[in-house]
Amino acid sequence: MTIREAAEALGCEILQNEFEDSDLQGGYTSDLLSDVMANAKSGAALITIQAHKNTVAVATLAALPAIVVCNSRPVPDDMLASAKDEGIAVLRTAESQYVVSGKLYALLPAGAA
């Protein structure tokens, strides 16, 4: 499932849409960015409430192509600019991290991390 297909299926708005529409390899839910760097698998979507520039930096380091910002958190312009520079999709939803994680898990093939 591509990032755009996932965004549609999850009911997310795409806030930063200049990215390669690659297939998601899973998801990783965390608000502790050091945890994301240590444990997220390449190709996964980051599901978080952390909406700032550092989130993009961590996604870049971990090779995560998409960030899903939950709970309708405001996303600052500098985060979107950084994501555009790095080619990382930024999606936003009103849903909680728990709900988004469960929905994404159900959408992706078995074995996706």
C-alpha atoms as a PDB file:
ATOM      1  CA  MET A   1       0.000   0.000   0.000  1.00  0.00           C
ATOM      2  CA  THR A   2       1.422   3.364  -1.012  1.00  0.00           C
ATOM      3  CA  ILE A   3       1.597   6.399   1.228  1.00  0.00           C
ATOM      4  CA  ARG A   4      -1.234   8.119  -0.676  1.00  0.00           C
ATOM      5  CA  GLU A   5      -3.409   4.988  -0.511  1.00  0.00           C
ATOM      6  CA  ALA A   6      -2.770   4.751   3.230  1.00  0.00           C
ATOM      7  CA  ALA A   7      -3.596   8.430   3.714  1.00  0.00           C
ATOM      8  CA  GLU A   8      -6.916   7.951   1.940  1.00  0.00           C
ATOM      9  CA  ALA A   9      -7.756   4.734   3.783  1.00  0.00           C
ATOM     10  CA  LEU A  10      -6.912   6.318   7.134  1.00  0.00           C
ATOM     11  CA  GLY A  11      -8.815   9.535   6.365  1.00  0.00           C
ATOM     12  CA  CYS A  12      -5.696  11.673   6.732  1.00  0.00           C
ATOM     13  CA  GLU A  13      -5.101  15.035   5.150  1.00  0.00           C
ATOM     14  CA  ILE A  14      -1.803  15.318   3.320  1.00  0.00           C
ATOM     15  CA  LEU A  15      -0.037  18.450   4.561  1.00  0.00           C
ATOM     16  CA  GLN A  16       3.253  17.946   2.696  1.00  0.00           C
ATOM     17  CA  ASN A  17       2.668  16.241  -0.620  1.00  0.00           C
ATOM     18  CA  GLU A  18       6.014  16.470  -2.405  1.00  0.00           C
ATOM     19  CA  PHE A  19       7.289  12.938  -1.817  1.00  0.00           C
ATOM     20  CA  GLU A  20       7.848   9.667  -3.625  1.00  0.00           C
ATOM     21  CA  ASP A  21       4.651   7.653  -3.233  1.00  0.00           C
ATOM     22  CA  SER A  22       6.443   4.505  -2.091  1.00  0.00           C
ATOM     23  CA  ASP A  23       4.942   1.399  -0.524  1.00  0.00           C
ATOM     24  CA  LEU A  24       4.817   1.490   3.259  1.00  0.00           C
ATOM     25  CA  GLN A  25       6.694  -1.340   4.923  1.00  0.00           C
ATOM     26  CA  GLY A  26       4.933  -0.950   8.257  1.00  0.00           C
ATOM     27  CA  GLY A  27       4.365   1.583  10.967  1.00  0.00           C
ATOM     28  CA  TYR A  28       6.036   2.671  14.182  1.00  0.00           C
ATOM     29  CA  THR A  29       4.199   4.477  16.963  1.00  0.00           C
ATOM     30  CA  SER A  30       6.187   6.547  19.422  1.00  0.00           C
ATOM     31  CA  ASP A  31       6.601  10.063  20.761  1.00  0.00           C
ATOM     32  CA  LEU A  32      10.097   9.427  22.059  1.00  0.00           C
ATOM     33  CA  LEU A  33      12.301  10.320  19.115  1.00  0.00           C
ATOM     34  CA  SER A  34      15.343   8.443  20.430  1.00  0.00           C
ATOM     35  CA  ASP A  35      13.150   5.333  20.544  1.00  0.00           C
ATOM     36  CA  VAL A  36      12.165   5.899  16.912  1.00  0.00           C
ATOM     37  CA  MET A  37      15.824   6.198  15.872  1.00  0.00           C
ATOM     38  CA  ALA A  38      16.712   3.003  17.727  1.00  0.00           C
ATOM     39  CA  ASN A  39      13.768   0.803  16.775  1.00  0.00           C
ATOM     40  CA  ALA A  40      11.765   1.943  13.740  1.00  0.00           C
ATOM     41  CA  LYS A  41      12.308  -0.106  10.610  1.00  0.00           C
ATOM     42  CA  SER A  42      13.156   1.575   7.323  1.00  0.00           C
ATOM     43  CA  GLY A  43      10.132   2.232   5.134  1.00  0.00           C
ATOM     44  CA  ALA A  44       7.646   2.508   8.007  1.00  0.00           C
ATOM     45  CA  ALA A  45       5.288   5.388   8.714  1.00  0.00           C
ATOM     46  CA  LEU A  46       5.940   7.213  11.990  1.00  0.00           C
ATOM     47  CA  ILE A  47       2.717   7.629  13.980  1.00  0.00           C
ATOM     48  CA  THR A  48       3.144  10.367  16.589  1.00  0.00           C
ATOM     49  CA  ILE A  49       1.924  13.587  18.172  1.00  0.00           C
ATOM     50  CA  GLN A  50       5.392  15.144  17.869  1.00  0.00           C
ATOM     51  CA  ALA A  51       4.861  17.922  15.319  1.00  0.00           C
ATOM     52  CA  HIS A  52       8.135  19.787  14.953  1.00  0.00           C
ATOM     53  CA  LYS A  53      11.283  19.954  12.845  1.00  0.00           C
ATOM     54  CA  ASN A  54      13.140  17.369  14.906  1.00  0.00           C
ATOM     55  CA  THR A  55      10.526  14.762  13.998  1.00  0.00           C
ATOM     56  CA  VAL A  56      11.498  15.199  10.344  1.00  0.00           C
ATOM     57  CA  ALA A  57      15.185  14.881  11.204  1.00  0.00           C
ATOM     58  CA  VAL A  58      14.520  11.598  13.005  1.00  0.00           C
ATOM     59  CA  ALA A  59      12.362  10.297  10.145  1.00  0.00           C
ATOM     60  CA  THR A  60      15.201  11.120   7.762  1.00  0.00           C
ATOM     61  CA  LEU A  61      17.790   9.303   9.906  1.00  0.00           C
ATOM     62  CA  ALA A  62      15.545   6.259  10.239  1.00  0.00           C
ATOM     63  CA  ALA A  63      14.553   6.263   6.529  1.00  0.00           C
ATOM     64  CA  LEU A  64      10.857   6.695   7.313  1.00  0.00           C
ATOM     65  CA  PRO A  65       8.979   8.059   4.276  1.00  0.00           C
ATOM     66  CA  ALA A  66       5.914   9.364   6.122  1.00  0.00           C
ATOM     67  CA  ILE A  67       4.918  11.000   9.396  1.00  0.00           C
ATOM     68  CA  VAL A  68       1.325  10.728  10.619  1.00  0.00           C
ATOM     69  CA  VAL A  69       0.539  13.481  13.129  1.00  0.00           C
ATOM     70  CA  CYS A  70      -2.397  12.449  15.319  1.00  0.00           C
ATOM     71  CA  ASN A  71      -5.024  14.216  17.431  1.00  0.00           C
ATOM     72  CA  SER A  72      -5.311  17.114  14.933  1.00  0.00           C
ATOM     73  CA  ARG A  73      -2.109  18.619  16.310  1.00  0.00           C
ATOM     74  CA  PRO A  74      -1.038  21.849  14.630  1.00  0.00           C
ATOM     75  CA  VAL A  75       1.918  21.346  12.289  1.00  0.00           C
ATOM     76  CA  PRO A  76       4.309  24.299  12.050  1.00  0.00           C
ATOM     77  CA  ASP A  77       5.508  25.655   8.721  1.00  0.00           C
ATOM     78  CA  ASP A  78       9.158  24.916   9.507  1.00  0.00           C
ATOM     79  CA  MET A  79       8.303  21.232   9.942  1.00  0.00           C
ATOM     80  CA  LEU A  80       6.563  21.178   6.576  1.00  0.00           C
ATOM     81  CA  ALA A  81       9.493  22.973   4.927  1.00  0.00           C
ATOM     82  CA  SER A  82      11.957  20.440   6.365  1.00  0.00           C
ATOM     83  CA  ALA A  83       9.757  17.546   5.260  1.00  0.00           C
ATOM     84  CA  LYS A  84       9.551  19.002   1.752  1.00  0.00           C
ATOM     85  CA  ASP A  85      13.361  19.321   1.623  1.00  0.00           C
ATOM     86  CA  GLU A  86      13.705  15.670   2.704  1.00  0.00           C
ATOM     87  CA  GLY A  87      10.835  14.315   0.575  1.00  0.00           C
ATOM     88  CA  ILE A  88       8.912  13.028   3.596  1.00  0.00           C
ATOM     89  CA  ALA A  89       5.118  12.939   3.535  1.00  0.00           C
ATOM     90  CA  VAL A  90       3.367  14.655   6.436  1.00  0.00           C
ATOM     91  CA  LEU A  91      -0.158  13.457   7.116  1.00  0.00           C
ATOM     92  CA  ARG A  92      -2.563  14.608   9.810  1.00  0.00           C
ATOM     93  CA  THR A  93      -5.599  12.981  11.361  1.00  0.00           C
ATOM     94  CA  ALA A  94      -8.029  13.660  14.184  1.00  0.00           C
ATOM     95  CA  GLU A  95      -7.662  10.028  15.303  1.00  0.00           C
ATOM     96  CA  SER A  96      -5.502   8.943  18.229  1.00  0.00           C
ATOM     97  CA  GLN A  97      -2.233   7.084  17.808  1.00  0.00           C
ATOM     98  CA  TYR A  98      -3.904   3.928  19.086  1.00  0.00           C
ATOM     99  CA  VAL A  99      -6.636   4.053  16.449  1.00  0.00           C
ATOM    100  CA  VAL A 100      -4.283   4.948  13.581  1.00  0.00           C
ATOM    101  CA  SER A 101      -1.863   2.199  14.559  1.00  0.00           C
ATOM    102  CA  GLY A 102      -4.629  -0.411  14.587  1.00  0.00           C
ATOM    103  CA  LYS A 103      -6.044   0.734  11.271  1.00  0.00           C
ATOM    104  CA  LEU A 104      -2.647   0.774   9.579  1.00  0.00           C
ATOM    105  CA  TYR A 105      -1.829  -2.655  10.986  1.00  0.00           C
ATOM    106  CA  ALA A 106      -5.063  -4.004   9.476  1.00  0.00           C
ATOM    107  CA  LEU A 107      -4.324  -2.407   6.088  1.00  0.00           C
ATOM    108  CA  LEU A 108      -0.775  -3.660   5.619  1.00  0.00           C
ATOM    109  CA  PRO A 109       0.209  -7.204   4.687  1.00  0.00           C
ATOM    110  CA  ALA A 110       1.027  -9.700   7.403  1.00  0.00           C
ATOM    111  CA  GLY A 111       4.652  -9.434   8.428  1.00  0.00           C
ATOM    112  CA  ALA A 112       4.916  -5.652   7.913  1.00  0.00           C
ATOM    113  CA  ALA A 113       6.684  -4.169  10.883  1.00  0.00           C
END
